[in-house]
Amino acid sequence: MIFPWPGSRERKAAVAAARQQKEHSLASAEHAAAVESQIRHLAGENHFADAITDQIISTYRARRGH
């Protein structure tokens, strides 16, 4: 059985789209890590903020299935 391959332009477009999606995901992860770090720093200075931080992070992780 022969499987049809997409044309060169389609393959290049798919690779470019995947690369862009990867870069966006990495940038989002870096931003999320920075925000989490800032929140944890503030939480360390304020017990109320610490409680809020734990709630936010546990809710976020529960929604993402972690």
Protein backbone atom coordinates (compact mmCIF):
# COMPACT_ATOMS: atom_id res chain seq x y z
CA MET A 1 0.00 0.00 0.00
CA ILE A 2 1.35 3.43 -0.88
CA PHE A 3 0.64 6.36 1.40
CA PRO A 4 0.38 9.75 -0.24
CA TRP A 5 2.84 12.29 1.06
CA PRO A 6 1.87 15.94 1.28
CA GLY A 7 3.63 18.30 -1.07
CA SER A 8 6.85 20.02 -0.13
CA ARG A 9 5.09 23.31 0.64
CA GLU A 10 2.60 21.56 2.90
CA ARG A 11 5.35 19.74 4.79
CA LYS A 12 7.37 22.94 5.22
CA ALA A 13 4.26 24.79 6.41
CA ALA A 14 3.48 22.02 8.90
CA VAL A 15 7.05 22.05 10.23
CA ALA A 16 6.97 25.85 10.54
CA ALA A 17 3.63 25.72 12.37
CA ALA A 18 4.90 23.04 14.76
CA ARG A 19 8.07 25.03 15.42
CA GLN A 20 6.03 28.17 16.13
CA GLN A 21 3.74 26.23 18.47
CA LYS A 22 6.76 24.80 20.31
CA GLU A 23 8.30 28.25 20.70
CA HIS A 24 5.00 29.62 21.98
CA SER A 25 4.68 26.75 24.47
CA LEU A 26 8.22 27.27 25.73
CA ALA A 27 7.64 31.02 26.12
CA SER A 28 4.40 30.34 28.00
CA ALA A 29 6.16 27.89 30.30
CA GLU A 30 8.94 30.39 31.03
CA HIS A 31 6.39 33.09 31.78
CA ALA A 32 4.40 30.77 34.05
CA ALA A 33 7.57 29.81 35.93
CA ALA A 34 8.46 33.48 36.44
CA VAL A 35 4.97 34.30 37.69
CA GLU A 36 4.99 31.31 40.04
CA SER A 37 8.38 32.39 41.36
CA GLN A 38 7.11 35.90 42.03
CA ILE A 39 3.99 34.60 43.75
CA ARG A 40 6.02 32.23 45.91
CA HIS A 41 8.40 35.06 46.85
CA LEU A 42 5.47 37.24 47.90
CA ALA A 43 3.88 34.32 49.70
CA GLY A 44 7.02 33.85 51.74
CA GLU A 45 6.57 37.38 53.05
CA ASN A 46 2.85 37.01 53.75
CA HIS A 47 1.11 33.95 55.20
CA PHE A 48 -2.23 34.96 53.68
CA ALA A 49 -0.62 35.18 50.24
CA ASP A 50 0.92 31.75 50.87
CA ALA A 51 -2.50 30.24 51.46
CA ILE A 52 -3.84 31.87 48.30
CA THR A 53 -0.83 30.69 46.30
CA ASP A 54 -1.30 27.09 47.39
CA GLN A 55 -4.97 27.26 46.43
CA ILE A 56 -4.26 28.78 43.01
CA ILE A 57 -1.51 26.31 42.17
CA SER A 58 -3.43 23.26 43.36
CA THR A 59 -6.50 24.35 41.37
CA TYR A 60 -4.35 24.95 38.27
CA ARG A 61 -2.67 21.57 38.56
CA ALA A 62 -5.98 19.80 39.16
CA ARG A 63 -7.39 21.33 35.98
CA ARG A 64 -4.32 20.29 34.00
CA GLY A 65 -4.45 16.76 35.39
CA HIS A 66 -1.17 16.81 37.33
